[in-house]
Amino acid sequence: MKVITGIEETTSTITSLKSLNKKIGLVPTMGALHQGHLSLIEEAKLFNDIIVVSIFVNPTQFDKEEDLKNYPKTIENDLILLKKVNCDFVFIPNAKDIYNNQIVSEKFYFDGLENEMEGKYRDDHFNGVGTIVKKLFEITVPTNAYFGEKDFQQLQIIKKLTKQNKLPIEIIGCPIYREDDGLAMSSRNLRLTPEQRLAAPFIYRVLKEIKLNFSTTPISAINQWVAQKFEKHPTLKLEYFEIADEATLITSNERTALTKHRAFIAVFAGSIRLIENISL
């Protein structure tokens, strides 16, 4: 496994490999790796010759300085995990190089995808996501890129970004990887207190109940039920819950046979923000 920090070295190395008709699979991460990340790598290994994992905590996608400062950084453990799963290259750039000394995001329009759910609560978040993903694609020139469905809105936006820029990259969405108690794996879980960690699986239990009853219950009644469930919860605070069209991410008020519906939720456990979703 080779660790590279330089942009030019990364691009030239991968370009050489692609000239030999090697398929490159990219797994972009912000570090603090867990089994969910490793499942993306295992998926990538099935369809690519070379696996590249990037580790970069992107400053422009954080809407709060506190969240950026507190984001878990476990680089030594990350490298141990990546070596165990036979990753080929790890790209660990610094912010000044990535942003050419000007750490600001580009402005994007993703046909309105960026204005729904997370976009309503996190200013400039998807401009930051779009900026770093575009830069990583330009540097690593992958054949395929892998993203988890836990950040489903982000996944749809990255697909849109790739299409808008006519990039010859296949974007692969991979299923949410969960703990034994149902909690979606996330680097932010490391910051949960024992009490919060014990409470967090409640989010998935609520989503499973919604999925079970979706075909027979009006969406308005589901929205009301979810609000009531969290109003009574001693540890978790609901930020938003929406049922939306998977393709457009526009909020659904009624069930329709031609729409693929998905439930999206954001919940606070203290200052830790947890997001989840489930296909309905």
C-alpha atoms as a PDB file:
ATOM      1  CA  MET A   1       0.000   0.000   0.000  1.00  0.00           C
ATOM      2  CA  LYS A   2       1.394   3.358  -1.047  1.00  0.00           C
ATOM      3  CA  VAL A   3       0.553   6.590   0.784  1.00  0.00           C
ATOM      4  CA  ILE A   4       0.712   9.718  -1.370  1.00  0.00           C
ATOM      5  CA  THR A   5       0.248  13.324  -0.270  1.00  0.00           C
ATOM      6  CA  GLY A   6       1.206  15.177  -3.446  1.00  0.00           C
ATOM      7  CA  ILE A   7      -1.385  16.014  -6.094  1.00  0.00           C
ATOM      8  CA  GLU A   8       0.951  15.763  -9.098  1.00  0.00           C
ATOM      9  CA  GLU A   9       2.352  12.413  -7.967  1.00  0.00           C
ATOM     10  CA  THR A  10      -1.163  11.054  -7.477  1.00  0.00           C
ATOM     11  CA  THR A  11      -2.364  12.168 -10.904  1.00  0.00           C
ATOM     12  CA  SER A  12       0.724  10.928 -12.745  1.00  0.00           C
ATOM     13  CA  THR A  13       0.682   7.563 -10.949  1.00  0.00           C
ATOM     14  CA  ILE A  14      -2.973   6.933 -11.729  1.00  0.00           C
ATOM     15  CA  THR A  15      -2.681   8.206 -15.303  1.00  0.00           C
ATOM     16  CA  SER A  16       0.127   5.704 -15.886  1.00  0.00           C
ATOM     17  CA  LEU A  17      -1.996   2.887 -14.515  1.00  0.00           C
ATOM     18  CA  LYS A  18      -4.974   3.866 -16.671  1.00  0.00           C
ATOM     19  CA  SER A  19      -2.729   3.862 -19.746  1.00  0.00           C
ATOM     20  CA  LEU A  20      -2.253   0.150 -18.992  1.00  0.00           C
ATOM     21  CA  ASN A  21      -6.053  -0.268 -19.092  1.00  0.00           C
ATOM     22  CA  LYS A  22      -6.302  -0.605 -15.315  1.00  0.00           C
ATOM     23  CA  LYS A  23      -9.693   0.219 -13.821  1.00  0.00           C
ATOM     24  CA  ILE A  24      -9.418   2.660 -10.918  1.00  0.00           C
ATOM     25  CA  GLY A  25     -11.897   2.533  -8.038  1.00  0.00           C
ATOM     26  CA  LEU A  26     -12.019   5.605  -5.794  1.00  0.00           C
ATOM     27  CA  VAL A  27     -13.470   5.646  -2.266  1.00  0.00           C
ATOM     28  CA  PRO A  28     -13.464   9.246  -0.969  1.00  0.00           C
ATOM     29  CA  THR A  29     -13.485   9.525   2.836  1.00  0.00           C
ATOM     30  CA  MET A  30     -12.880  12.031   5.608  1.00  0.00           C
ATOM     31  CA  GLY A  31     -11.070   9.435   7.698  1.00  0.00           C
ATOM     32  CA  ALA A  32     -12.134   8.003  11.076  1.00  0.00           C
ATOM     33  CA  LEU A  33     -12.730   4.844   9.067  1.00  0.00           C
ATOM     34  CA  HIS A  34     -15.159   2.132  10.121  1.00  0.00           C
ATOM     35  CA  GLN A  35     -16.629  -1.041   8.677  1.00  0.00           C
ATOM     36  CA  GLY A  36     -18.979   0.974   6.484  1.00  0.00           C
ATOM     37  CA  HIS A  37     -16.004   2.491   4.652  1.00  0.00           C
ATOM     38  CA  LEU A  38     -14.384  -0.917   4.388  1.00  0.00           C
ATOM     39  CA  SER A  39     -17.547  -2.327   2.812  1.00  0.00           C
ATOM     40  CA  LEU A  40     -17.232   0.318   0.065  1.00  0.00           C
ATOM     41  CA  ILE A  41     -13.650  -0.792  -0.530  1.00  0.00           C
ATOM     42  CA  GLU A  42     -14.684  -4.444  -0.715  1.00  0.00           C
ATOM     43  CA  GLU A  43     -17.340  -3.525  -3.287  1.00  0.00           C
ATOM     44  CA  ALA A  44     -14.801  -1.534  -5.289  1.00  0.00           C
ATOM     45  CA  LYS A  45     -12.363  -4.463  -5.303  1.00  0.00           C
ATOM     46  CA  LEU A  46     -14.919  -6.600  -7.147  1.00  0.00           C
ATOM     47  CA  PHE A  47     -14.938  -4.373 -10.238  1.00  0.00           C
ATOM     48  CA  ASN A  48     -11.609  -2.506 -10.305  1.00  0.00           C
ATOM     49  CA  ASP A  49      -7.923  -3.337 -10.644  1.00  0.00           C
ATOM     50  CA  ILE A  50      -6.593  -0.548  -8.418  1.00  0.00           C
ATOM     51  CA  ILE A  51      -8.238   0.863  -5.269  1.00  0.00           C
ATOM     52  CA  VAL A  52      -7.604   4.455  -4.218  1.00  0.00           C
ATOM     53  CA  VAL A  53      -8.890   5.766  -0.893  1.00  0.00           C
ATOM     54  CA  SER A  54      -8.701   9.490  -0.211  1.00  0.00           C
ATOM     55  CA  ILE A  55      -8.619  10.830   3.344  1.00  0.00           C
ATOM     56  CA  PHE A  56      -9.387  14.530   3.582  1.00  0.00           C
ATOM     57  CA  VAL A  57     -11.453  16.412   6.144  1.00  0.00           C
ATOM     58  CA  ASN A  58     -12.949  19.015   3.841  1.00  0.00           C
ATOM     59  CA  PRO A  59     -13.279  22.405   5.588  1.00  0.00           C
ATOM     60  CA  THR A  60     -15.730  23.950   3.127  1.00  0.00           C
ATOM     61  CA  GLN A  61     -18.529  21.454   3.746  1.00  0.00           C
ATOM     62  CA  PHE A  62     -18.794  22.205   7.468  1.00  0.00           C
ATOM     63  CA  ASP A  63     -21.294  24.923   8.311  1.00  0.00           C
ATOM     64  CA  LYS A  64     -20.042  25.136  11.909  1.00  0.00           C
ATOM     65  CA  GLU A  65     -16.395  25.681  12.864  1.00  0.00           C
ATOM     66  CA  GLU A  66     -16.969  23.578  15.986  1.00  0.00           C
ATOM     67  CA  ASP A  67     -17.941  20.522  13.909  1.00  0.00           C
ATOM     68  CA  LEU A  68     -14.806  20.825  11.778  1.00  0.00           C
ATOM     69  CA  LYS A  69     -12.609  21.202  14.867  1.00  0.00           C
ATOM     70  CA  ASN A  70     -14.198  18.202  16.617  1.00  0.00           C
ATOM     71  CA  TYR A  71     -14.354  15.849  13.632  1.00  0.00           C
ATOM     72  CA  PRO A  72     -12.569  12.597  14.659  1.00  0.00           C
ATOM     73  CA  LYS A  73      -9.038  12.185  13.300  1.00  0.00           C
ATOM     74  CA  THR A  74      -7.638   8.648  13.529  1.00  0.00           C
ATOM     75  CA  ILE A  75      -5.116   8.535  10.696  1.00  0.00           C
ATOM     76  CA  GLU A  76      -2.813   5.871  12.195  1.00  0.00           C
ATOM     77  CA  ASN A  77      -5.700   3.463  12.747  1.00  0.00           C
ATOM     78  CA  ASP A  78      -7.124   4.340   9.318  1.00  0.00           C
ATOM     79  CA  LEU A  79      -3.898   3.267   7.613  1.00  0.00           C
ATOM     80  CA  ILE A  80      -3.824  -0.011   9.570  1.00  0.00           C
ATOM     81  CA  LEU A  81      -7.391  -0.794   8.450  1.00  0.00           C
ATOM     82  CA  LEU A  82      -6.654   0.100   4.815  1.00  0.00           C
ATOM     83  CA  LYS A  83      -3.584  -2.118   4.747  1.00  0.00           C
ATOM     84  CA  LYS A  84      -5.642  -5.039   6.089  1.00  0.00           C
ATOM     85  CA  VAL A  85      -8.139  -4.747   3.221  1.00  0.00           C
ATOM     86  CA  ASN A  86      -5.361  -4.485   0.614  1.00  0.00           C
ATOM     87  CA  CYS A  87      -5.955  -0.913  -0.479  1.00  0.00           C
ATOM     88  CA  ASP A  88      -3.450   0.033  -3.220  1.00  0.00           C
ATOM     89  CA  PHE A  89      -3.139   3.802  -2.757  1.00  0.00           C
ATOM     90  CA  VAL A  90      -4.083   6.219  -0.001  1.00  0.00           C
ATOM     91  CA  PHE A  91      -4.240   9.868  -1.032  1.00  0.00           C
ATOM     92  CA  ILE A  92      -3.871  12.244   1.942  1.00  0.00           C
ATOM     93  CA  PRO A  93      -3.600  15.832   0.667  1.00  0.00           C
ATOM     94  CA  ASN A  94      -3.561  19.018   2.723  1.00  0.00           C
ATOM     95  CA  ALA A  95      -6.142  21.769   2.406  1.00  0.00           C
ATOM     96  CA  LYS A  96      -3.762  24.409   1.032  1.00  0.00           C
ATOM     97  CA  ASP A  97      -2.742  22.173  -1.860  1.00  0.00           C
ATOM     98  CA  ILE A  98      -6.298  21.062  -2.615  1.00  0.00           C
ATOM     99  CA  TYR A  99      -7.618  24.625  -2.572  1.00  0.00           C
ATOM    100  CA  ASN A 100      -4.512  26.293  -3.971  1.00  0.00           C
ATOM    101  CA  ASN A 101      -4.137  28.424  -0.809  1.00  0.00           C
ATOM    102  CA  GLN A 102      -7.699  29.813  -1.086  1.00  0.00           C
ATOM    103  CA  ILE A 103      -9.993  27.666   1.019  1.00  0.00           C
ATOM    104  CA  VAL A 104     -13.325  28.649  -0.502  1.00  0.00           C
ATOM    105  CA  SER A 105     -15.918  26.567  -2.311  1.00  0.00           C
ATOM    106  CA  GLU A 106     -17.244  26.917  -5.829  1.00  0.00           C
ATOM    107  CA  LYS A 107     -20.918  27.701  -6.371  1.00  0.00           C
ATOM    108  CA  PHE A 108     -23.057  24.974  -7.887  1.00  0.00           C
ATOM    109  CA  TYR A 109     -26.605  24.485  -9.073  1.00  0.00           C
ATOM    110  CA  PHE A 110     -27.733  20.874  -8.987  1.00  0.00           C
ATOM    111  CA  ASP A 111     -31.215  21.400 -10.443  1.00  0.00           C
ATOM    112  CA  GLY A 112     -32.579  22.080  -6.970  1.00  0.00           C
ATOM    113  CA  LEU A 113     -31.326  18.882  -5.321  1.00  0.00           C
ATOM    114  CA  GLU A 114     -29.144  21.027  -3.085  1.00  0.00           C
ATOM    115  CA  ASN A 115     -32.104  23.000  -1.712  1.00  0.00           C
ATOM    116  CA  GLU A 116     -33.922  20.081  -0.113  1.00  0.00           C
ATOM    117  CA  MET A 117     -33.465  18.572   3.374  1.00  0.00           C
ATOM    118  CA  GLU A 118     -29.800  19.052   4.304  1.00  0.00           C
ATOM    119  CA  GLY A 119     -29.668  22.116   2.085  1.00  0.00           C
ATOM    120  CA  LYS A 120     -32.324  23.809   4.219  1.00  0.00           C
ATOM    121  CA  TYR A 121     -30.301  23.376   7.403  1.00  0.00           C
ATOM    122  CA  ARG A 122     -26.636  23.514   6.357  1.00  0.00           C
ATOM    123  CA  ASP A 123     -25.612  26.684   4.542  1.00  0.00           C
ATOM    124  CA  ASP A 124     -23.198  26.128   1.656  1.00  0.00           C
ATOM    125  CA  HIS A 125     -22.756  22.455   2.585  1.00  0.00           C
ATOM    126  CA  PHE A 126     -23.308  21.073  -0.895  1.00  0.00           C
ATOM    127  CA  ASN A 127     -21.133  23.744  -2.497  1.00  0.00           C
ATOM    128  CA  GLY A 128     -18.350  22.374  -0.291  1.00  0.00           C
ATOM    129  CA  VAL A 129     -19.201  18.771  -1.187  1.00  0.00           C
ATOM    130  CA  GLY A 130     -19.355  19.575  -4.900  1.00  0.00           C
ATOM    131  CA  THR A 131     -16.055  21.448  -4.770  1.00  0.00           C
ATOM    132  CA  ILE A 132     -14.049  18.693  -3.084  1.00  0.00           C
ATOM    133  CA  VAL A 133     -15.570  15.799  -5.044  1.00  0.00           C
ATOM    134  CA  LYS A 134     -14.923  17.583  -8.343  1.00  0.00           C
ATOM    135  CA  LYS A 135     -11.311  18.229  -7.298  1.00  0.00           C
ATOM    136  CA  LEU A 136     -10.805  14.619  -6.188  1.00  0.00           C
ATOM    137  CA  PHE A 137     -12.215  13.365  -9.482  1.00  0.00           C
ATOM    138  CA  GLU A 138      -9.855  15.659 -11.426  1.00  0.00           C
ATOM    139  CA  ILE A 139      -6.856  14.482  -9.401  1.00  0.00           C
ATOM    140  CA  THR A 140      -7.527  10.743  -9.242  1.00  0.00           C
ATOM    141  CA  VAL A 141      -9.368  10.296 -12.564  1.00  0.00           C
ATOM    142  CA  PRO A 142     -11.228   7.174 -11.385  1.00  0.00           C
ATOM    143  CA  THR A 143     -13.162   4.712 -13.505  1.00  0.00           C
ATOM    144  CA  ASN A 144     -15.684   4.177 -10.698  1.00  0.00           C
ATOM    145  CA  ALA A 145     -16.336   6.055  -7.449  1.00  0.00           C
ATOM    146  CA  TYR A 146     -18.122   4.609  -4.415  1.00  0.00           C
ATOM    147  CA  PHE A 147     -20.359   6.399  -1.912  1.00  0.00           C
ATOM    148  CA  GLY A 148     -22.590   5.109   0.875  1.00  0.00           C
ATOM    149  CA  GLU A 149     -26.356   5.565   0.758  1.00  0.00           C
ATOM    150  CA  LYS A 150     -26.381   6.889   4.331  1.00  0.00           C
ATOM    151  CA  ASP A 151     -25.713  10.275   2.710  1.00  0.00           C
ATOM    152  CA  PHE A 152     -28.327   9.636   0.029  1.00  0.00           C
ATOM    153  CA  GLN A 153     -28.855  13.301  -0.864  1.00  0.00           C
ATOM    154  CA  GLN A 154     -25.102  13.696  -1.309  1.00  0.00           C
ATOM    155  CA  LEU A 155     -25.055  10.601  -3.532  1.00  0.00           C
ATOM    156  CA  GLN A 156     -27.742  12.055  -5.812  1.00  0.00           C
ATOM    157  CA  ILE A 157     -25.906  15.378  -5.977  1.00  0.00           C
ATOM    158  CA  ILE A 158     -22.616  13.700  -6.909  1.00  0.00           C
ATOM    159  CA  LYS A 159     -24.393  11.803  -9.684  1.00  0.00           C
ATOM    160  CA  LYS A 160     -25.770  15.141 -10.919  1.00  0.00           C
ATOM    161  CA  LEU A 161     -22.315  16.771 -10.686  1.00  0.00           C
ATOM    162  CA  THR A 162     -20.796  13.984 -12.757  1.00  0.00           C
ATOM    163  CA  LYS A 163     -23.512  14.274 -15.400  1.00  0.00           C
ATOM    164  CA  GLN A 164     -23.358  18.088 -15.558  1.00  0.00           C
ATOM    165  CA  ASN A 165     -19.592  18.049 -16.074  1.00  0.00           C
ATOM    166  CA  LYS A 166     -19.730  15.115 -18.512  1.00  0.00           C
ATOM    167  CA  LEU A 167     -17.212  13.161 -16.433  1.00  0.00           C
ATOM    168  CA  PRO A 168     -16.595   9.561 -17.602  1.00  0.00           C
ATOM    169  CA  ILE A 169     -16.977   8.206 -14.081  1.00  0.00           C
ATOM    170  CA  GLU A 170     -19.529   5.681 -12.856  1.00  0.00           C
ATOM    171  CA  ILE A 171     -20.981   6.662  -9.474  1.00  0.00           C
ATOM    172  CA  ILE A 172     -21.847   3.616  -7.372  1.00  0.00           C
ATOM    173  CA  GLY A 173     -24.156   3.887  -4.365  1.00  0.00           C
ATOM    174  CA  CYS A 174     -23.667   1.197  -1.709  1.00  0.00           C
ATOM    175  CA  PRO A 175     -26.124   0.093   1.000  1.00  0.00           C
ATOM    176  CA  ILE A 176     -25.985   1.563   4.495  1.00  0.00           C
ATOM    177  CA  TYR A 177     -23.754  -0.510   6.765  1.00  0.00           C
ATOM    178  CA  ARG A 178     -25.202  -0.906  10.248  1.00  0.00           C
ATOM    179  CA  GLU A 179     -24.126  -1.895  13.731  1.00  0.00           C
ATOM    180  CA  ASP A 180     -25.753  -5.019  15.217  1.00  0.00           C
ATOM    181  CA  ASP A 181     -28.345  -2.806  16.941  1.00  0.00           C
ATOM    182  CA  GLY A 182     -29.269  -1.072  13.662  1.00  0.00           C
ATOM    183  CA  LEU A 183     -27.403   2.226  14.073  1.00  0.00           C
ATOM    184  CA  ALA A 184     -25.972   3.386  10.760  1.00  0.00           C
ATOM    185  CA  MET A 185     -22.185   3.428  10.968  1.00  0.00           C
ATOM    186  CA  SER A 186     -20.778   6.954  10.967  1.00  0.00           C
ATOM    187  CA  SER A 187     -17.535   8.587  12.027  1.00  0.00           C
ATOM    188  CA  ARG A 188     -19.628  10.914  14.193  1.00  0.00           C
ATOM    189  CA  ASN A 189     -20.723   7.942  16.318  1.00  0.00           C
ATOM    190  CA  LEU A 190     -17.286   8.109  17.976  1.00  0.00           C
ATOM    191  CA  ARG A 191     -18.368  11.349  19.642  1.00  0.00           C
ATOM    192  CA  LEU A 192     -21.538   9.948  21.225  1.00  0.00           C
ATOM    193  CA  THR A 193     -21.639   9.531  24.986  1.00  0.00           C
ATOM    194  CA  PRO A 194     -22.569   6.043  26.277  1.00  0.00           C
ATOM    195  CA  GLU A 195     -26.111   7.291  26.956  1.00  0.00           C
ATOM    196  CA  GLN A 196     -26.444   8.808  23.483  1.00  0.00           C
ATOM    197  CA  ARG A 197     -25.010   5.695  21.836  1.00  0.00           C
ATOM    198  CA  LEU A 198     -27.564   3.555  23.661  1.00  0.00           C
ATOM    199  CA  ALA A 199     -30.391   5.834  22.489  1.00  0.00           C
ATOM    200  CA  ALA A 200     -29.304   6.315  18.846  1.00  0.00           C
ATOM    201  CA  PRO A 201     -30.665   3.009  17.398  1.00  0.00           C
ATOM    202  CA  PHE A 202     -34.149   4.382  18.156  1.00  0.00           C
ATOM    203  CA  ILE A 203     -33.830   6.374  14.910  1.00  0.00           C
ATOM    204  CA  TYR A 204     -33.632   3.234  12.786  1.00  0.00           C
ATOM    205  CA  ARG A 205     -36.428   1.546  14.714  1.00  0.00           C
ATOM    206  CA  VAL A 206     -38.675   4.500  13.845  1.00  0.00           C
ATOM    207  CA  LEU A 207     -37.700   4.256  10.171  1.00  0.00           C
ATOM    208  CA  LYS A 208     -38.414   0.531  10.059  1.00  0.00           C
ATOM    209  CA  GLU A 209     -41.851   1.127  11.570  1.00  0.00           C
ATOM    210  CA  ILE A 210     -42.556   3.738   8.884  1.00  0.00           C
ATOM    211  CA  LYS A 211     -41.519   1.335   6.130  1.00  0.00           C
ATOM    212  CA  LEU A 212     -43.758  -1.356   7.577  1.00  0.00           C
ATOM    213  CA  ASN A 213     -46.837   0.899   7.570  1.00  0.00           C
ATOM    214  CA  PHE A 214     -46.123   3.139   4.581  1.00  0.00           C
ATOM    215  CA  SER A 215     -48.500   1.431   2.161  1.00  0.00           C
ATOM    216  CA  THR A 216     -51.497   1.850   4.478  1.00  0.00           C
ATOM    217  CA  THR A 217     -50.850   5.140   6.298  1.00  0.00           C
ATOM    218  CA  PRO A 218     -51.210   8.685   4.891  1.00  0.00           C
ATOM    219  CA  ILE A 219     -47.950  10.642   4.795  1.00  0.00           C
ATOM    220  CA  SER A 220     -49.444  13.409   6.928  1.00  0.00           C
ATOM    221  CA  ALA A 221     -50.210  10.874   9.659  1.00  0.00           C
ATOM    222  CA  ILE A 222     -46.661   9.459   9.439  1.00  0.00           C
ATOM    223  CA  ASN A 223     -45.173  12.956   9.808  1.00  0.00           C
ATOM    224  CA  GLN A 224     -47.300  13.592  12.884  1.00  0.00           C
ATOM    225  CA  TRP A 225     -46.412  10.210  14.409  1.00  0.00           C
ATOM    226  CA  VAL A 226     -42.662  10.798  13.964  1.00  0.00           C
ATOM    227  CA  ALA A 227     -42.879  14.245  15.576  1.00  0.00           C
ATOM    228  CA  GLN A 228     -44.695  12.769  18.561  1.00  0.00           C
ATOM    229  CA  LYS A 229     -42.189   9.930  18.966  1.00  0.00           C
ATOM    230  CA  PHE A 230     -39.285  12.353  19.260  1.00  0.00           C
ATOM    231  CA  GLU A 231     -41.144  14.907  21.378  1.00  0.00           C
ATOM    232  CA  LYS A 232     -41.308  12.232  24.058  1.00  0.00           C
ATOM    233  CA  HIS A 233     -37.698  11.070  23.713  1.00  0.00           C
ATOM    234  CA  PRO A 234     -35.406  12.111  26.587  1.00  0.00           C
ATOM    235  CA  THR A 235     -32.127  12.036  24.620  1.00  0.00           C
ATOM    236  CA  LEU A 236     -32.828  12.593  20.913  1.00  0.00           C
ATOM    237  CA  LYS A 237     -34.126  15.801  19.340  1.00  0.00           C
ATOM    238  CA  LEU A 238     -35.693  15.769  15.874  1.00  0.00           C
ATOM    239  CA  GLU A 239     -34.381  18.369  13.424  1.00  0.00           C
ATOM    240  CA  TYR A 240     -36.362  17.232  10.396  1.00  0.00           C
ATOM    241  CA  PHE A 241     -38.230  14.276   8.960  1.00  0.00           C
ATOM    242  CA  GLU A 242     -39.367  14.129   5.335  1.00  0.00           C
ATOM    243  CA  ILE A 243     -40.649  11.593   2.862  1.00  0.00           C
ATOM    244  CA  ALA A 244     -39.368  12.514  -0.569  1.00  0.00           C
ATOM    245  CA  ASP A 245     -39.059  11.424  -4.175  1.00  0.00           C
ATOM    246  CA  GLU A 246     -35.738   9.591  -4.532  1.00  0.00           C
ATOM    247  CA  ALA A 247     -35.022  11.148  -7.927  1.00  0.00           C
ATOM    248  CA  THR A 248     -35.855  14.807  -7.263  1.00  0.00           C
ATOM    249  CA  LEU A 249     -35.660  14.812  -3.436  1.00  0.00           C
ATOM    250  CA  ILE A 250     -38.808  16.947  -3.436  1.00  0.00           C
ATOM    251  CA  THR A 251     -41.015  16.370  -0.399  1.00  0.00           C
ATOM    252  CA  SER A 252     -43.930  13.995  -0.998  1.00  0.00           C
ATOM    253  CA  ASN A 253     -47.313  14.859   0.495  1.00  0.00           C
ATOM    254  CA  GLU A 254     -49.103  11.891  -1.040  1.00  0.00           C
ATOM    255  CA  ARG A 255     -48.152   8.362  -1.992  1.00  0.00           C
ATOM    256  CA  THR A 256     -48.054   7.726  -5.741  1.00  0.00           C
ATOM    257  CA  ALA A 257     -47.395   4.469  -7.567  1.00  0.00           C
ATOM    258  CA  LEU A 258     -44.932   6.057 -10.015  1.00  0.00           C
ATOM    259  CA  THR A 259     -42.702   7.586  -7.318  1.00  0.00           C
ATOM    260  CA  LYS A 260     -39.893   5.824  -5.470  1.00  0.00           C
ATOM    261  CA  HIS A 261     -40.295   7.228  -1.978  1.00  0.00           C
ATOM    262  CA  ARG A 262     -37.579   7.436   0.669  1.00  0.00           C
ATOM    263  CA  ALA A 263     -37.772   8.650   4.266  1.00  0.00           C
ATOM    264  CA  PHE A 264     -35.071  11.054   5.467  1.00  0.00           C
ATOM    265  CA  ILE A 265     -34.369  12.110   9.033  1.00  0.00           C
ATOM    266  CA  ALA A 266     -31.896  14.269  10.972  1.00  0.00           C
ATOM    267  CA  VAL A 267     -31.660  14.003  14.739  1.00  0.00           C
ATOM    268  CA  PHE A 268     -29.502  15.630  17.413  1.00  0.00           C
ATOM    269  CA  ALA A 269     -27.994  13.636  20.265  1.00  0.00           C
ATOM    270  CA  GLY A 270     -26.666  16.532  22.298  1.00  0.00           C
ATOM    271  CA  SER A 271     -24.523  18.467  19.803  1.00  0.00           C
ATOM    272  CA  ILE A 272     -23.967  15.407  17.579  1.00  0.00           C
ATOM    273  CA  ARG A 273     -26.065  15.422  14.431  1.00  0.00           C
ATOM    274  CA  LEU A 274     -27.111  12.033  13.035  1.00  0.00           C
ATOM    275  CA  ILE A 275     -28.729  11.559   9.625  1.00  0.00           C
ATOM    276  CA  GLU A 276     -30.495   8.471   8.343  1.00  0.00           C
ATOM    277  CA  ASN A 277     -32.760   7.326   5.517  1.00  0.00           C
ATOM    278  CA  ILE A 278     -34.645   4.277   4.343  1.00  0.00           C
ATOM    279  CA  SER A 279     -36.212   3.254   1.052  1.00  0.00           C
ATOM    280  CA  LEU A 280     -39.974   2.885   1.313  1.00  0.00           C
END
